[in-house]
Amino acid sequence: MQREVTDTDGTTWTCVQAFSGLSDNAETKDAAQVKGEAGTYWVVCTPSGGAQSVRLKLQDEWETSYSDEALLNEIKAQQ
């Protein structure tokens, strides 16, 4: 579960669902879920070039359901 988007400044953001590196089982998905918000998950986006990573709350299936522009808007809102 990884996705890359590039903003207008040429920064490439690599976004991964929190805890996705641990394993792909249901327990890992539960760990990434935002407490009290069904269908919402923590996603960490890390930029190229050393800028600050951001943590986003995104809806389930974020890797396919968000347009690049929508994902970049979420990142910008958290910077």
N, C-alpha and C. Protein backbone atom coordinates (compact mmCIF):
# COMPACT_ATOMS: atom_id res chain seq x y z
N MET A 1 0.83 -1.18 0.00
CA MET A 1 0.00 0.00 0.00
C MET A 1 0.87 1.24 0.00
N GLN A 2 1.34 1.60 -1.16
CA GLN A 2 2.19 2.78 -1.29
C GLN A 2 1.76 3.54 -2.53
N ARG A 3 1.90 4.84 -2.45
CA ARG A 3 1.54 5.67 -3.59
C ARG A 3 2.46 6.88 -3.62
N GLU A 4 2.85 7.31 -4.82
CA GLU A 4 3.69 8.49 -4.98
C GLU A 4 2.94 9.55 -5.76
N VAL A 5 3.06 10.79 -5.30
CA VAL A 5 2.50 11.94 -6.02
C VAL A 5 3.55 13.04 -6.02
N THR A 6 3.55 13.85 -7.08
CA THR A 6 4.52 14.95 -7.19
C THR A 6 3.77 16.26 -7.21
N ASP A 7 4.23 17.20 -6.35
CA ASP A 7 3.57 18.50 -6.28
C ASP A 7 4.14 19.47 -7.31
N THR A 8 3.60 20.68 -7.35
CA THR A 8 4.00 21.67 -8.35
C THR A 8 5.43 22.17 -8.15
N ASP A 9 6.00 21.95 -6.95
CA ASP A 9 7.39 22.33 -6.69
C ASP A 9 8.37 21.24 -7.11
N GLY A 10 7.84 20.11 -7.60
CA GLY A 10 8.69 19.02 -8.02
C GLY A 10 9.06 18.05 -6.90
N THR A 11 8.44 18.23 -5.73
CA THR A 11 8.68 17.31 -4.61
C THR A 11 7.83 16.07 -4.80
N THR A 12 8.46 14.91 -4.73
CA THR A 12 7.72 13.65 -4.81
C THR A 12 7.43 13.16 -3.40
N TRP A 13 6.16 12.94 -3.13
CA TRP A 13 5.71 12.44 -1.82
C TRP A 13 5.41 10.96 -1.93
N THR A 14 6.02 10.17 -1.05
CA THR A 14 5.74 8.74 -0.97
C THR A 14 4.84 8.51 0.23
N CYS A 15 3.63 8.03 -0.03
CA CYS A 15 2.64 7.84 1.02
C CYS A 15 2.42 6.35 1.28
N VAL A 16 2.45 5.96 2.54
CA VAL A 16 2.21 4.58 2.95
C VAL A 16 1.28 4.58 4.15
N GLN A 17 0.42 3.57 4.20
CA GLN A 17 -0.47 3.44 5.35
C GLN A 17 0.37 3.08 6.56
N ALA A 18 0.10 3.71 7.69
CA ALA A 18 0.86 3.46 8.91
C ALA A 18 0.85 1.97 9.23
N PHE A 19 1.98 1.48 9.69
CA PHE A 19 2.17 0.09 10.09
C PHE A 19 2.17 -0.90 8.92
N SER A 20 2.09 -0.43 7.68
CA SER A 20 1.99 -1.36 6.55
C SER A 20 3.26 -2.18 6.36
N GLY A 21 4.37 -1.72 6.88
CA GLY A 21 5.61 -2.47 6.75
C GLY A 21 5.68 -3.69 7.64
N LEU A 22 4.81 -3.77 8.63
CA LEU A 22 4.84 -4.88 9.57
C LEU A 22 4.37 -6.18 8.94
N SER A 23 3.21 -6.13 8.30
CA SER A 23 2.66 -7.29 7.59
C SER A 23 1.37 -6.84 6.93
N ASP A 24 0.78 -7.72 6.15
CA ASP A 24 -0.45 -7.36 5.45
C ASP A 24 -1.69 -7.99 6.07
N ASN A 25 -1.61 -8.38 7.32
CA ASN A 25 -2.76 -9.04 7.92
C ASN A 25 -3.77 -8.03 8.50
N ALA A 26 -4.90 -8.52 8.93
CA ALA A 26 -5.98 -7.67 9.43
C ALA A 26 -5.55 -6.89 10.67
N GLU A 27 -4.69 -7.49 11.49
CA GLU A 27 -4.22 -6.82 12.70
C GLU A 27 -3.47 -5.53 12.36
N THR A 28 -2.66 -5.58 11.33
CA THR A 28 -1.92 -4.41 10.89
C THR A 28 -2.87 -3.32 10.40
N LYS A 29 -3.88 -3.71 9.64
CA LYS A 29 -4.86 -2.74 9.16
C LYS A 29 -5.60 -2.11 10.33
N ASP A 30 -5.93 -2.92 11.33
CA ASP A 30 -6.60 -2.39 12.53
C ASP A 30 -5.71 -1.38 13.24
N ALA A 31 -4.41 -1.64 13.29
CA ALA A 31 -3.48 -0.74 13.97
C ALA A 31 -3.42 0.62 13.28
N ALA A 32 -3.60 0.63 11.97
CA ALA A 32 -3.55 1.88 11.21
C ALA A 32 -4.87 2.64 11.24
N GLN A 33 -5.93 1.98 11.68
CA GLN A 33 -7.25 2.64 11.69
C GLN A 33 -7.30 3.74 12.74
N VAL A 34 -7.93 4.86 12.38
CA VAL A 34 -8.10 5.97 13.31
C VAL A 34 -9.15 5.54 14.35
N LYS A 35 -8.79 5.63 15.61
CA LYS A 35 -9.71 5.21 16.68
C LYS A 35 -11.01 6.00 16.62
N GLY A 36 -12.12 5.30 16.63
CA GLY A 36 -13.43 5.94 16.66
C GLY A 36 -13.91 6.45 15.32
N GLU A 37 -13.15 6.23 14.26
CA GLU A 37 -13.54 6.70 12.93
C GLU A 37 -13.47 5.54 11.95
N ALA A 38 -14.57 4.82 11.82
CA ALA A 38 -14.60 3.65 10.93
C ALA A 38 -14.26 4.04 9.50
N GLY A 39 -13.46 3.21 8.85
CA GLY A 39 -13.10 3.45 7.45
C GLY A 39 -12.09 4.57 7.25
N THR A 40 -11.43 5.01 8.33
CA THR A 40 -10.43 6.08 8.24
C THR A 40 -9.10 5.54 8.76
N TYR A 41 -8.02 5.82 8.03
CA TYR A 41 -6.72 5.25 8.36
C TYR A 41 -5.63 6.31 8.40
N TRP A 42 -4.61 6.06 9.22
CA TRP A 42 -3.44 6.92 9.26
C TRP A 42 -2.54 6.58 8.08
N VAL A 43 -2.11 7.62 7.37
CA VAL A 43 -1.20 7.47 6.24
C VAL A 43 -0.06 8.46 6.45
N VAL A 44 1.18 8.00 6.29
CA VAL A 44 2.35 8.87 6.44
C VAL A 44 2.92 9.14 5.06
N CYS A 45 3.10 10.43 4.74
CA CYS A 45 3.66 10.85 3.46
C CYS A 45 5.02 11.50 3.70
N THR A 46 6.04 10.96 3.03
CA THR A 46 7.41 11.43 3.20
C THR A 46 7.88 12.06 1.89
N PRO A 47 8.39 13.29 1.96
CA PRO A 47 8.81 13.98 0.75
C PRO A 47 10.25 13.69 0.36
N SER A 48 10.52 13.82 -0.94
CA SER A 48 11.90 13.81 -1.40
C SER A 48 12.49 15.17 -1.01
N GLY A 49 13.77 15.25 -0.84
CA GLY A 49 14.41 16.55 -0.59
C GLY A 49 14.48 16.96 0.86
N GLY A 50 14.08 16.12 1.79
CA GLY A 50 14.32 16.41 3.20
C GLY A 50 13.29 17.25 3.92
N ALA A 51 12.18 17.61 3.29
CA ALA A 51 11.15 18.37 4.01
C ALA A 51 10.48 17.44 5.03
N GLN A 52 9.66 18.02 5.87
CA GLN A 52 9.00 17.29 6.96
C GLN A 52 7.94 16.31 6.44
N SER A 53 7.93 15.10 6.99
CA SER A 53 6.87 14.14 6.70
C SER A 53 5.56 14.64 7.31
N VAL A 54 4.45 14.19 6.74
CA VAL A 54 3.15 14.56 7.29
C VAL A 54 2.34 13.29 7.54
N ARG A 55 1.44 13.38 8.52
CA ARG A 55 0.57 12.27 8.87
C ARG A 55 -0.85 12.68 8.53
N LEU A 56 -1.51 11.87 7.73
CA LEU A 56 -2.85 12.19 7.24
C LEU A 56 -3.87 11.19 7.74
N LYS A 57 -5.11 11.64 7.88
CA LYS A 57 -6.25 10.76 8.13
C LYS A 57 -7.00 10.65 6.81
N LEU A 58 -6.98 9.47 6.20
CA LEU A 58 -7.61 9.29 4.89
C LEU A 58 -8.62 8.15 4.93
N GLN A 59 -9.57 8.21 4.03
CA GLN A 59 -10.60 7.18 3.93
C GLN A 59 -10.02 5.88 3.38
N ASP A 60 -10.69 4.77 3.71
CA ASP A 60 -10.29 3.45 3.22
C ASP A 60 -10.14 3.48 1.70
N GLU A 61 -9.22 2.67 1.20
CA GLU A 61 -8.90 2.61 -0.22
C GLU A 61 -8.34 3.93 -0.76
N TRP A 62 -7.67 4.67 0.12
CA TRP A 62 -7.09 5.97 -0.24
C TRP A 62 -6.12 5.85 -1.41
N GLU A 63 -5.44 4.70 -1.51
CA GLU A 63 -4.42 4.56 -2.55
C GLU A 63 -5.02 4.55 -3.95
N THR A 64 -6.33 4.30 -4.07
CA THR A 64 -6.98 4.32 -5.38
C THR A 64 -8.11 5.34 -5.48
N SER A 65 -8.71 5.72 -4.35
CA SER A 65 -9.90 6.56 -4.42
C SER A 65 -9.61 8.07 -4.45
N TYR A 66 -8.43 8.48 -4.03
CA TYR A 66 -8.07 9.91 -4.05
C TYR A 66 -7.35 10.23 -5.36
N SER A 67 -7.70 11.35 -5.97
CA SER A 67 -6.94 11.82 -7.13
C SER A 67 -5.60 12.35 -6.62
N ASP A 68 -4.62 12.51 -7.52
CA ASP A 68 -3.33 13.10 -7.12
C ASP A 68 -3.55 14.46 -6.47
N GLU A 69 -4.42 15.27 -7.09
CA GLU A 69 -4.68 16.62 -6.57
C GLU A 69 -5.28 16.58 -5.17
N ALA A 70 -6.22 15.67 -4.95
CA ALA A 70 -6.86 15.55 -3.63
C ALA A 70 -5.83 15.13 -2.58
N LEU A 71 -4.96 14.19 -2.94
CA LEU A 71 -3.93 13.73 -2.01
C LEU A 71 -2.95 14.86 -1.70
N LEU A 72 -2.55 15.61 -2.72
CA LEU A 72 -1.64 16.75 -2.51
C LEU A 72 -2.30 17.84 -1.66
N ASN A 73 -3.59 18.05 -1.82
CA ASN A 73 -4.31 19.03 -0.99
C ASN A 73 -4.32 18.59 0.47
N GLU A 74 -4.49 17.30 0.73
CA GLU A 74 -4.45 16.77 2.08
C GLU A 74 -3.05 16.99 2.69
N ILE A 75 -2.01 16.73 1.90
CA ILE A 75 -0.63 16.92 2.36
C ILE A 75 -0.40 18.39 2.69
N LYS A 76 -0.78 19.27 1.79
CA LYS A 76 -0.57 20.71 1.98
C LYS A 76 -1.28 21.22 3.23
N ALA A 77 -2.46 20.70 3.49
CA ALA A 77 -3.24 21.13 4.66
C ALA A 77 -2.55 20.76 5.97
N GLN A 78 -1.69 19.74 5.94
CA GLN A 78 -1.02 19.28 7.16
C GLN A 78 0.40 19.82 7.32
N GLN A 79 0.88 20.55 6.35
CA GLN A 79 2.25 21.08 6.43
C GLN A 79 2.33 22.27 7.34
